[in-house]
Every structure is written in C-alpha cells, then in structure tokens.
C-alpha cells in the first residue's frame, strides 16, 4: 500500500506531532532514570499513546542500573519479544516485568 500524498502543511503538521511525541517519550525516560516514576505506574498507562507506543527495551533501559544486556535478559525471562511495544504486553508479561525489577 503506497503512502498517501501529503500537502506541505500536512507534512509539517505530522513532523511537529512526531517531534512532540519524541520529546514526551524522552521526558518519561528522564523521569524513570531519576526515580520520579515507577515502572509499574508506567505500565498501567497503556491508554496513553506516548507510553503505549514505546518499545519495552527502551523503557527498561531508561531505568537506573539496567543496560541493554540486563534489559534483554529481563525481557527474555518474561517471554517478551525484543521488538515488542508496551501496548502489546499481556497482563502476565507486565506482572513479570514488575516482579523482575522489584528484586
């Protein structure tokens, strides 16, 4: 399916909207790193499109003390695909993430 042809105004609006979403995701990752927000609270916000469209690996790597290797291990143990986004997680997977990170 080909991409729709956008007018210049539509294109600029889409770019602005994408930039705002990236900025909000960056702010959420910053809050996670600072310990202002807990992972359990973030995982409950799946109705928020900013959270829902984040990759789980990116979310985990934002936590203090969790790098790429540890995030991959946590996801593997919970049965989560490396490309999974938060909106695609099941309740048991969310519970497994919270339990793994509360140790």
PDB file of N, CA and C in Angstrom:
ATOM      1  N   UNK A   1       0.852  -1.174   0.000  1.00  0.00           N
ATOM      2  CA  UNK A   1       0.000   0.000   0.000  1.00  0.00           C
ATOM      3  C   UNK A   1       0.895   1.233   0.000  1.00  0.00           C
ATOM      4  N   UNK A   2       0.766   2.084  -1.001  1.00  0.00           N
ATOM      5  CA  UNK A   2       1.615   3.275  -1.080  1.00  0.00           C
ATOM      6  C   UNK A   2       1.227   4.298  -0.007  1.00  0.00           C
ATOM      7  N   UNK A   3       2.199   5.097   0.380  1.00  0.00           N
ATOM      8  CA  UNK A   3       1.937   6.156   1.350  1.00  0.00           C
ATOM      9  C   UNK A   3       1.095   7.243   0.705  1.00  0.00           C
ATOM     10  N   UNK A   4       0.207   7.860   1.482  1.00  0.00           N
ATOM     11  CA  UNK A   4      -0.629   8.918   0.905  1.00  0.00           C
ATOM     12  C   UNK A   4       0.212  10.161   0.607  1.00  0.00           C
ATOM     13  N   UNK A   5      -0.201  10.859  -0.420  1.00  0.00           N
ATOM     14  CA  UNK A   5       0.458  12.117  -0.773  1.00  0.00           C
ATOM     15  C   UNK A   5      -0.026  13.193   0.199  1.00  0.00           C
ATOM     16  N   UNK A   6       0.903  13.864   0.854  1.00  0.00           N
ATOM     17  CA  UNK A   6       0.550  14.901   1.809  1.00  0.00           C
ATOM     18  C   UNK A   6       0.886  16.272   1.243  1.00  0.00           C
ATOM     19  N   UNK A   7       0.052  17.236   1.606  1.00  0.00           N
ATOM     20  CA  UNK A   7       0.384  18.606   1.240  1.00  0.00           C
ATOM     21  C   UNK A   7       1.520  19.057   2.144  1.00  0.00           C
ATOM     22  N   UNK A   8       2.139  20.150   1.814  1.00  0.00           N
ATOM     23  CA  UNK A   8       3.243  20.653   2.634  1.00  0.00           C
ATOM     24  C   UNK A   8       2.771  20.978   4.052  1.00  0.00           C
ATOM     25  N   UNK A   9       1.567  21.530   4.190  1.00  0.00           N
ATOM     26  CA  UNK A   9       1.031  21.866   5.515  1.00  0.00           C
ATOM     27  C   UNK A   9       0.795  20.595   6.337  1.00  0.00           C
ATOM     28  N   UNK A  10       0.244  19.549   5.691  1.00  0.00           N
ATOM     29  CA  UNK A  10       0.009  18.283   6.377  1.00  0.00           C
ATOM     30  C   UNK A  10       1.333  17.656   6.799  1.00  0.00           C
ATOM     31  N   UNK A  11       2.321  17.746   5.948  1.00  0.00           N
ATOM     32  CA  UNK A  11       3.636  17.182   6.235  1.00  0.00           C
ATOM     33  C   UNK A  11       4.273  17.889   7.433  1.00  0.00           C
ATOM     34  N   UNK A  12       4.202  19.207   7.447  1.00  0.00           N
ATOM     35  CA  UNK A  12       4.757  19.987   8.551  1.00  0.00           C
ATOM     36  C   UNK A  12       4.039  19.666   9.868  1.00  0.00           C
ATOM     37  N   UNK A  13       2.722  19.514   9.801  1.00  0.00           N
ATOM     38  CA  UNK A  13       1.939  19.172  10.998  1.00  0.00           C
ATOM     39  C   UNK A  13       2.335  17.791  11.522  1.00  0.00           C
ATOM     40  N   UNK A  14       2.522  16.843  10.626  1.00  0.00           N
ATOM     41  CA  UNK A  14       2.937  15.490  11.025  1.00  0.00           C
ATOM     42  C   UNK A  14       4.326  15.505  11.652  1.00  0.00           C
ATOM     43  N   UNK A  15       5.240  16.284  11.093  1.00  0.00           N
ATOM     44  CA  UNK A  15       6.589  16.400  11.655  1.00  0.00           C
ATOM     45  C   UNK A  15       6.548  17.019  13.050  1.00  0.00           C
ATOM     46  N   UNK A  16       5.703  18.027  13.214  1.00  0.00           N
ATOM     47  CA  UNK A  16       5.567  18.688  14.518  1.00  0.00           C
ATOM     48  C   UNK A  16       5.007  17.715  15.554  1.00  0.00           C
ATOM     49  N   UNK A  17       4.007  16.954  15.159  1.00  0.00           N
ATOM     50  CA  UNK A  17       3.376  15.989  16.058  1.00  0.00           C
ATOM     51  C   UNK A  17       4.378  14.897  16.458  1.00  0.00           C
ATOM     52  N   UNK A  18       5.176  14.425  15.517  1.00  0.00           N
ATOM     53  CA  UNK A  18       6.180  13.393  15.801  1.00  0.00           C
ATOM     54  C   UNK A  18       7.254  13.927  16.742  1.00  0.00           C
ATOM     55  N   UNK A  19       7.662  15.156  16.546  1.00  0.00           N
ATOM     56  CA  UNK A  19       8.674  15.764  17.414  1.00  0.00           C
ATOM     57  C   UNK A  19       8.158  15.897  18.844  1.00  0.00           C
ATOM     58  N   UNK A  20       6.887  16.276  18.992  1.00  0.00           N
ATOM     59  CA  UNK A  20       6.286  16.384  20.321  1.00  0.00           C
ATOM     60  C   UNK A  20       6.236  15.026  21.010  1.00  0.00           C
ATOM     61  N   UNK A  21       5.904  13.978  20.261  1.00  0.00           N
ATOM     62  CA  UNK A  21       5.844  12.632  20.829  1.00  0.00           C
ATOM     63  C   UNK A  21       7.230  12.178  21.282  1.00  0.00           C
ATOM     64  N   UNK A  22       8.254  12.438  20.471  1.00  0.00           N
ATOM     65  CA  UNK A  22       9.631  12.080  20.862  1.00  0.00           C
ATOM     66  C   UNK A  22      10.048  12.821  22.124  1.00  0.00           C
ATOM     67  N   UNK A  23       9.663  14.083  22.219  1.00  0.00           N
ATOM     68  CA  UNK A  23      10.016  14.893  23.383  1.00  0.00           C
ATOM     69  C   UNK A  23       9.333  14.349  24.640  1.00  0.00           C
ATOM     70  N   UNK A  24       8.071  13.951  24.525  1.00  0.00           N
ATOM     71  CA  UNK A  24       7.342  13.402  25.678  1.00  0.00           C
ATOM     72  C   UNK A  24       7.932  12.060  26.112  1.00  0.00           C
ATOM     73  N   UNK A  25       8.322  11.220  25.136  1.00  0.00           N
ATOM     74  CA  UNK A  25       8.954   9.938  25.480  1.00  0.00           C
ATOM     75  C   UNK A  25      10.289  10.168  26.171  1.00  0.00           C
ATOM     76  N   UNK A  26      11.051  11.147  25.701  1.00  0.00           N
ATOM     77  CA  UNK A  26      12.334  11.466  26.318  1.00  0.00           C
ATOM     78  C   UNK A  26      12.130  11.953  27.755  1.00  0.00           C
ATOM     79  N   UNK A  27      11.111  12.750  27.979  1.00  0.00           N
ATOM     80  CA  UNK A  27      10.815  13.245  29.327  1.00  0.00           C
ATOM     81  C   UNK A  27      10.431  12.088  30.251  1.00  0.00           C
ATOM     82  N   UNK A  28       9.646  11.150  29.749  1.00  0.00           N
ATOM     83  CA  UNK A  28       9.263   9.980  30.551  1.00  0.00           C
ATOM     84  C   UNK A  28      10.495   9.145  30.905  1.00  0.00           C
ATOM     85  N   UNK A  29      11.380   8.927  29.936  1.00  0.00           N
ATOM     86  CA  UNK A  29      12.612   8.171  30.210  1.00  0.00           C
ATOM     87  C   UNK A  29      13.469   8.891  31.243  1.00  0.00           C
ATOM     88  N   UNK A  30      13.512  10.214  31.167  1.00  0.00           N
ATOM     89  CA  UNK A  30      14.276  11.006  32.131  1.00  0.00           C
ATOM     90  C   UNK A  30      13.686  10.861  33.537  1.00  0.00           C
ATOM     91  N   UNK A  31      12.366  10.863  33.648  1.00  0.00           N
ATOM     92  CA  UNK A  31      11.707  10.685  34.940  1.00  0.00           C
ATOM     93  C   UNK A  31      11.973   9.300  35.509  1.00  0.00           C
ATOM     94  N   UNK A  32      11.974   8.286  34.650  1.00  0.00           N
ATOM     95  CA  UNK A  32      12.277   6.928  35.100  1.00  0.00           C
ATOM     96  C   UNK A  32      13.711   6.849  35.629  1.00  0.00           C
ATOM     97  N   UNK A  33      14.635   7.418  34.899  1.00  0.00           N
ATOM     98  CA  UNK A  33      16.042   7.386  35.310  1.00  0.00           C
ATOM     99  C   UNK A  33      16.246   8.095  36.638  1.00  0.00           C
ATOM    100  N   UNK A  34      15.508   9.181  36.864  1.00  0.00           N
ATOM    101  CA  UNK A  34      15.631   9.953  38.100  1.00  0.00           C
ATOM    102  C   UNK A  34      14.877   9.312  39.263  1.00  0.00           C
ATOM    103  N   UNK A  35      14.068   8.296  38.983  1.00  0.00           N
ATOM    104  CA  UNK A  35      13.308   7.638  40.044  1.00  0.00           C
ATOM    105  C   UNK A  35      12.039   8.370  40.430  1.00  0.00           C
ATOM    106  N   UNK A  36      11.603   9.319  39.609  1.00  0.00           N
ATOM    107  CA  UNK A  36      10.391  10.076  39.897  1.00  0.00           C
ATOM    108  C   UNK A  36       9.129   9.271  39.574  1.00  0.00           C
ATOM    109  N   UNK A  37       9.265   8.295  38.686  1.00  0.00           N
ATOM    110  CA  UNK A  37       8.142   7.468  38.251  1.00  0.00           C
ATOM    111  C   UNK A  37       8.561   6.012  38.377  1.00  0.00           C
ATOM    112  N   UNK A  38       7.644   5.148  38.793  1.00  0.00           N
ATOM    113  CA  UNK A  38       7.943   3.722  38.903  1.00  0.00           C
ATOM    114  C   UNK A  38       7.456   2.996  37.645  1.00  0.00           C
ATOM    115  N   UNK A  39       8.138   1.906  37.320  1.00  0.00           N
ATOM    116  CA  UNK A  39       7.808   1.147  36.105  1.00  0.00           C
ATOM    117  C   UNK A  39       6.382   0.598  36.163  1.00  0.00           C
ATOM    118  N   UNK A  40       5.938   0.188  37.340  1.00  0.00           N
ATOM    119  CA  UNK A  40       4.574  -0.328  37.485  1.00  0.00           C
ATOM    120  C   UNK A  40       3.533   0.705  37.126  1.00  0.00           C
ATOM    121  N   UNK A  41       3.779   1.954  37.518  1.00  0.00           N
ATOM    122  CA  UNK A  41       2.851   3.042  37.195  1.00  0.00           C
ATOM    123  C   UNK A  41       2.825   3.313  35.697  1.00  0.00           C
ATOM    124  N   UNK A  42       3.989   3.244  35.073  1.00  0.00           N
ATOM    125  CA  UNK A  42       4.079   3.494  33.634  1.00  0.00           C
ATOM    126  C   UNK A  42       3.344   2.397  32.861  1.00  0.00           C
ATOM    127  N   UNK A  43       3.520   1.151  33.279  1.00  0.00           N
ATOM    128  CA  UNK A  43       2.884   0.037  32.570  1.00  0.00           C
ATOM    129  C   UNK A  43       1.363   0.068  32.686  1.00  0.00           C
ATOM    130  N   UNK A  44       0.833   0.743  33.676  1.00  0.00           N
ATOM    131  CA  UNK A  44      -0.621   0.864  33.831  1.00  0.00           C
ATOM    132  C   UNK A  44      -1.202   1.921  32.899  1.00  0.00           C
ATOM    133  N   UNK A  45      -0.354   2.754  32.319  1.00  0.00           N
ATOM    134  CA  UNK A  45      -0.817   3.861  31.469  1.00  0.00           C
ATOM    135  C   UNK A  45      -0.871   3.469  29.995  1.00  0.00           C
ATOM    136  N   UNK A  46      -1.389   2.309  29.669  1.00  0.00           N
ATOM    137  CA  UNK A  46      -1.415   1.869  28.272  1.00  0.00           C
ATOM    138  C   UNK A  46      -2.424   2.644  27.425  1.00  0.00           C
ATOM    139  N   UNK A  47      -3.338   3.380  28.054  1.00  0.00           N
ATOM    140  CA  UNK A  47      -4.266   4.208  27.274  1.00  0.00           C
ATOM    141  C   UNK A  47      -3.580   5.483  26.789  1.00  0.00           C
ATOM    142  N   UNK A  48      -2.434   5.819  27.369  1.00  0.00           N
ATOM    143  CA  UNK A  48      -1.626   6.957  26.942  1.00  0.00           C
ATOM    144  C   UNK A  48      -0.822   6.536  25.711  1.00  0.00           C
ATOM    145  N   UNK A  49      -1.027   7.194  24.579  1.00  0.00           N
ATOM    146  CA  UNK A  49      -0.361   6.778  23.335  1.00  0.00           C
ATOM    147  C   UNK A  49       1.153   6.919  23.404  1.00  0.00           C
ATOM    148  N   UNK A  50       1.640   7.856  24.206  1.00  0.00           N
ATOM    149  CA  UNK A  50       3.089   8.028  24.339  1.00  0.00           C
ATOM    150  C   UNK A  50       3.696   6.777  24.971  1.00  0.00           C
ATOM    151  N   UNK A  51       3.086   6.284  26.038  1.00  0.00           N
ATOM    152  CA  UNK A  51       3.575   5.078  26.709  1.00  0.00           C
ATOM    153  C   UNK A  51       3.312   3.852  25.848  1.00  0.00           C
ATOM    154  N   UNK A  52       2.124   3.749  25.292  1.00  0.00           N
ATOM    155  CA  UNK A  52       1.730   2.562  24.535  1.00  0.00           C
ATOM    156  C   UNK A  52       2.642   2.294  23.345  1.00  0.00           C
ATOM    157  N   UNK A  53       3.164   3.326  22.731  1.00  0.00           N
ATOM    158  CA  UNK A  53       3.975   3.151  21.525  1.00  0.00           C
ATOM    159  C   UNK A  53       5.475   3.052  21.798  1.00  0.00           C
ATOM    160  N   UNK A  54       5.863   3.095  23.075  1.00  0.00           N
ATOM    161  CA  UNK A  54       7.283   2.955  23.424  1.00  0.00           C
ATOM    162  C   UNK A  54       7.696   1.496  23.330  1.00  0.00           C
ATOM    163  N   UNK A  55       8.917   1.260  22.908  1.00  0.00           N
ATOM    164  CA  UNK A  55       9.437  -0.106  22.920  1.00  0.00           C
ATOM    165  C   UNK A  55       9.760  -0.470  24.364  1.00  0.00           C
ATOM    166  N   UNK A  56       9.469  -1.706  24.726  1.00  0.00           N
ATOM    167  CA  UNK A  56       9.719  -2.179  26.086  1.00  0.00           C
ATOM    168  C   UNK A  56      11.206  -2.086  26.402  1.00  0.00           C
ATOM    169  N   UNK A  57      12.059  -2.426  25.434  1.00  0.00           N
ATOM    170  CA  UNK A  57      13.503  -2.370  25.671  1.00  0.00           C
ATOM    171  C   UNK A  57      13.945  -0.948  26.007  1.00  0.00           C
ATOM    172  N   UNK A  58      13.409   0.042  25.314  1.00  0.00           N
ATOM    173  CA  UNK A  58      13.752   1.438  25.579  1.00  0.00           C
ATOM    174  C   UNK A  58      13.291   1.848  26.971  1.00  0.00           C
ATOM    175  N   UNK A  59      12.115   1.388  27.351  1.00  0.00           N
ATOM    176  CA  UNK A  59      11.576   1.689  28.669  1.00  0.00           C
ATOM    177  C   UNK A  59      12.460   1.100  29.762  1.00  0.00           C
ATOM    178  N   UNK A  60      12.849  -0.161  29.606  1.00  0.00           N
ATOM    179  CA  UNK A  60      13.690  -0.816  30.604  1.00  0.00           C
ATOM    180  C   UNK A  60      15.076  -0.185  30.691  1.00  0.00           C
ATOM    181  N   UNK A  61      15.656   0.145  29.552  1.00  0.00           N
ATOM    182  CA  UNK A  61      16.992   0.731  29.529  1.00  0.00           C
ATOM    183  C   UNK A  61      17.019   2.119  30.159  1.00  0.00           C
ATOM    184  N   UNK A  62      15.850   2.725  30.340  1.00  0.00           N
ATOM    185  CA  UNK A  62      15.766   4.035  30.977  1.00  0.00           C
ATOM    186  C   UNK A  62      15.876   3.935  32.492  1.00  0.00           C
ATOM    187  N   UNK A  63      15.716   2.744  33.024  1.00  0.00           N
ATOM    188  CA  UNK A  63      15.774   2.555  34.471  1.00  0.00           C
ATOM    189  C   UNK A  63      17.217   2.575  34.958  1.00  0.00           C
ATOM    190  N   UNK A  64      17.442   3.112  36.156  1.00  0.00           N
ATOM    191  CA  UNK A  64      18.805   3.109  36.687  1.00  0.00           C
ATOM    192  C   UNK A  64      19.298   1.681  36.918  1.00  0.00           C
ATOM    193  N   UNK A  65      20.506   1.401  36.491  1.00  0.00           N
ATOM    194  CA  UNK A  65      21.100   0.081  36.699  1.00  0.00           C
ATOM    195  C   UNK A  65      20.696  -0.958  35.676  1.00  0.00           C
ATOM    196  N   UNK A  66      19.942  -0.567  34.663  1.00  0.00           N
ATOM    197  CA  UNK A  66      19.524  -1.510  33.624  1.00  0.00           C
ATOM    198  C   UNK A  66      20.089  -1.032  32.291  1.00  0.00           C
ATOM    199  N   UNK A  67      20.964  -1.858  31.723  1.00  0.00           N
ATOM    200  CA  UNK A  67      21.528  -1.565  30.410  1.00  0.00           C
ATOM    201  C   UNK A  67      20.903  -2.473  29.369  1.00  0.00           C
ATOM    202  N   UNK A  68      21.502  -2.502  28.195  1.00  0.00           N
ATOM    203  CA  UNK A  68      20.975  -3.322  27.103  1.00  0.00           C
ATOM    204  C   UNK A  68      20.950  -4.805  27.449  1.00  0.00           C
ATOM    205  N   UNK A  69      22.036  -5.316  28.009  1.00  0.00           N
ATOM    206  CA  UNK A  69      22.125  -6.746  28.316  1.00  0.00           C
ATOM    207  C   UNK A  69      21.118  -7.156  29.380  1.00  0.00           C
ATOM    208  N   UNK A  70      21.010  -6.373  30.426  1.00  0.00           N
ATOM    209  CA  UNK A  70      20.078  -6.706  31.502  1.00  0.00           C
ATOM    210  C   UNK A  70      18.632  -6.589  31.011  1.00  0.00           C
ATOM    211  N   UNK A  71      18.351  -5.577  30.195  1.00  0.00           N
ATOM    212  CA  UNK A  71      17.006  -5.410  29.646  1.00  0.00           C
ATOM    213  C   UNK A  71      16.642  -6.611  28.770  1.00  0.00           C
ATOM    214  N   UNK A  72      17.581  -7.071  27.951  1.00  0.00           N
ATOM    215  CA  UNK A  72      17.321  -8.241  27.104  1.00  0.00           C
ATOM    216  C   UNK A  72      17.067  -9.482  27.937  1.00  0.00           C
ATOM    217  N   UNK A  73      17.832  -9.663  29.017  1.00  0.00           N
ATOM    218  CA  UNK A  73      17.657 -10.823  29.879  1.00  0.00           C
ATOM    219  C   UNK A  73      16.289 -10.783  30.556  1.00  0.00           C
ATOM    220  N   UNK A  74      15.906  -9.626  31.073  1.00  0.00           N
ATOM    221  CA  UNK A  74      14.605  -9.479  31.732  1.00  0.00           C
ATOM    222  C   UNK A  74      13.483  -9.789  30.745  1.00  0.00           C
ATOM    223  N   UNK A  75      13.602  -9.249  29.536  1.00  0.00           N
ATOM    224  CA  UNK A  75      12.571  -9.482  28.525  1.00  0.00           C
ATOM    225  C   UNK A  75      12.525 -10.949  28.111  1.00  0.00           C
ATOM    226  N   UNK A  76      13.671 -11.556  27.968  1.00  0.00           N
ATOM    227  CA  UNK A  76      13.738 -12.968  27.594  1.00  0.00           C
ATOM    228  C   UNK A  76      13.099 -13.843  28.665  1.00  0.00           C
ATOM    229  N   UNK A  77      13.427 -13.568  29.929  1.00  0.00           N
ATOM    230  CA  UNK A  77      12.859 -14.335  31.040  1.00  0.00           C
ATOM    231  C   UNK A  77      11.340 -14.186  31.124  1.00  0.00           C
ATOM    232  N   UNK A  78      10.839 -13.013  30.736  1.00  0.00           N
ATOM    233  CA  UNK A  78       9.398 -12.752  30.784  1.00  0.00           C
ATOM    234  C   UNK A  78       8.689 -13.200  29.508  1.00  0.00           C
ATOM    235  N   UNK A  79       9.448 -13.690  28.527  1.00  0.00           N
ATOM    236  CA  UNK A  79       8.845 -14.138  27.270  1.00  0.00           C
ATOM    237  C   UNK A  79       8.385 -12.997  26.388  1.00  0.00           C
ATOM    238  N   UNK A  80       9.145 -11.908  26.384  1.00  0.00           N
ATOM    239  CA  UNK A  80       8.781 -10.724  25.604  1.00  0.00           C
ATOM    240  C   UNK A  80       9.735 -10.584  24.428  1.00  0.00           C
ATOM    241  N   UNK A  81       9.194 -10.401  23.247  1.00  0.00           N
ATOM    242  CA  UNK A  81       9.984 -10.216  22.037  1.00  0.00           C
ATOM    243  C   UNK A  81      10.810  -8.935  22.140  1.00  0.00           C
ATOM    244  N   UNK A  82      12.029  -8.917  21.592  1.00  0.00           N
ATOM    245  CA  UNK A  82      12.875  -7.716  21.656  1.00  0.00           C
ATOM    246  C   UNK A  82      12.277  -6.490  20.961  1.00  0.00           C
ATOM    247  N   UNK A  83      11.340  -6.696  20.047  1.00  0.00           N
ATOM    248  CA  UNK A  83      10.747  -5.572  19.325  1.00  0.00           C
ATOM    249  C   UNK A  83       9.374  -5.174  19.864  1.00  0.00           C
ATOM    250  N   UNK A  84       8.942  -5.786  20.948  1.00  0.00           N
ATOM    251  CA  UNK A  84       7.594  -5.545  21.493  1.00  0.00           C
ATOM    252  C   UNK A  84       7.450  -4.121  22.019  1.00  0.00           C
ATOM    253  N   UNK A  85       6.290  -3.560  21.820  1.00  0.00           N
ATOM    254  CA  UNK A  85       5.953  -2.246  22.367  1.00  0.00           C
ATOM    255  C   UNK A  85       5.061  -2.446  23.593  1.00  0.00           C
ATOM    256  N   UNK A  86       4.964  -1.439  24.429  1.00  0.00           N
ATOM    257  CA  UNK A  86       4.229  -1.554  25.691  1.00  0.00           C
ATOM    258  C   UNK A  86       2.772  -1.928  25.452  1.00  0.00           C
ATOM    259  N   UNK A  87       2.150  -1.399  24.404  1.00  0.00           N
ATOM    260  CA  UNK A  87       0.736  -1.694  24.152  1.00  0.00           C
ATOM    261  C   UNK A  87       0.502  -3.166  23.831  1.00  0.00           C
ATOM    262  N   UNK A  88       1.536  -3.884  23.409  1.00  0.00           N
ATOM    263  CA  UNK A  88       1.398  -5.282  23.049  1.00  0.00           C
ATOM    264  C   UNK A  88       1.672  -6.248  24.183  1.00  0.00           C
ATOM    265  N   UNK A  89       1.935  -5.736  25.374  1.00  0.00           N
ATOM    266  CA  UNK A  89       2.218  -6.615  26.508  1.00  0.00           C
ATOM    267  C   UNK A  89       0.934  -7.162  27.117  1.00  0.00           C
ATOM    268  N   UNK A  90       0.992  -8.418  27.534  1.00  0.00           N
ATOM    269  CA  UNK A  90      -0.120  -9.021  28.246  1.00  0.00           C
ATOM    270  C   UNK A  90       0.006  -8.746  29.735  1.00  0.00           C
ATOM    271  N   UNK A  91      -1.039  -9.030  30.478  1.00  0.00           N
ATOM    272  CA  UNK A  91      -1.026  -8.745  31.917  1.00  0.00           C
ATOM    273  C   UNK A  91       0.035  -9.566  32.644  1.00  0.00           C
ATOM    274  N   UNK A  92       0.241 -10.807  32.234  1.00  0.00           N
ATOM    275  CA  UNK A  92       1.264 -11.644  32.881  1.00  0.00           C
ATOM    276  C   UNK A  92       2.671 -11.138  32.563  1.00  0.00           C
ATOM    277  N   UNK A  93       2.871 -10.629  31.352  1.00  0.00           N
ATOM    278  CA  UNK A  93       4.174 -10.080  30.982  1.00  0.00           C
ATOM    279  C   UNK A  93       4.466  -8.808  31.787  1.00  0.00           C
ATOM    280  N   UNK A  94       3.456  -7.965  31.958  1.00  0.00           N
ATOM    281  CA  UNK A  94       3.636  -6.757  32.756  1.00  0.00           C
ATOM    282  C   UNK A  94       3.968  -7.130  34.204  1.00  0.00           C
ATOM    283  N   UNK A  95       3.264  -8.109  34.720  1.00  0.00           N
ATOM    284  CA  UNK A  95       3.498  -8.561  36.084  1.00  0.00           C
ATOM    285  C   UNK A  95       4.921  -9.127  36.221  1.00  0.00           C
ATOM    286  N   UNK A  96       5.378  -9.883  35.220  1.00  0.00           N
ATOM    287  CA  UNK A  96       6.727 -10.455  35.247  1.00  0.00           C
ATOM    288  C   UNK A  96       7.782  -9.349  35.233  1.00  0.00           C
ATOM    289  N   UNK A  97       7.546  -8.290  34.465  1.00  0.00           N
ATOM    290  CA  UNK A  97       8.487  -7.166  34.427  1.00  0.00           C
ATOM    291  C   UNK A  97       8.579  -6.477  35.780  1.00  0.00           C
ATOM    292  N   UNK A  98       7.426  -6.192  36.374  1.00  0.00           N
ATOM    293  CA  UNK A  98       7.403  -5.521  37.671  1.00  0.00           C
ATOM    294  C   UNK A  98       8.091  -6.387  38.721  1.00  0.00           C
ATOM    295  N   UNK A  99       7.819  -7.695  38.704  1.00  0.00           N
ATOM    296  CA  UNK A  99       8.455  -8.600  39.676  1.00  0.00           C
ATOM    297  C   UNK A  99       9.961  -8.677  39.465  1.00  0.00           C
ATOM    298  N   UNK A 100      10.408  -8.733  38.229  1.00  0.00           N
ATOM    299  CA  UNK A 100      11.841  -8.817  37.948  1.00  0.00           C
ATOM    300  C   UNK A 100      12.575  -7.549  38.374  1.00  0.00           C
ATOM    301  N   UNK A 101      11.917  -6.430  38.278  1.00  0.00           N
ATOM    302  CA  UNK A 101      12.563  -5.167  38.604  1.00  0.00           C
ATOM    303  C   UNK A 101      12.428  -4.773  40.076  1.00  0.00           C
ATOM    304  N   UNK A 102      11.571  -5.465  40.811  1.00  0.00           N
ATOM    305  CA  UNK A 102      11.401  -5.137  42.222  1.00  0.00           C
ATOM    306  C   UNK A 102      12.336  -5.932  43.122  1.00  0.00           C
ATOM    307  N   UNK A 103      13.175  -6.782  42.526  1.00  0.00           N
ATOM    308  CA  UNK A 103      14.122  -7.605  43.306  1.00  0.00           C
ATOM    309  C   UNK A 103      15.220  -6.764  43.877  1.00  0.00           C
TER     310      UNK A 103
END
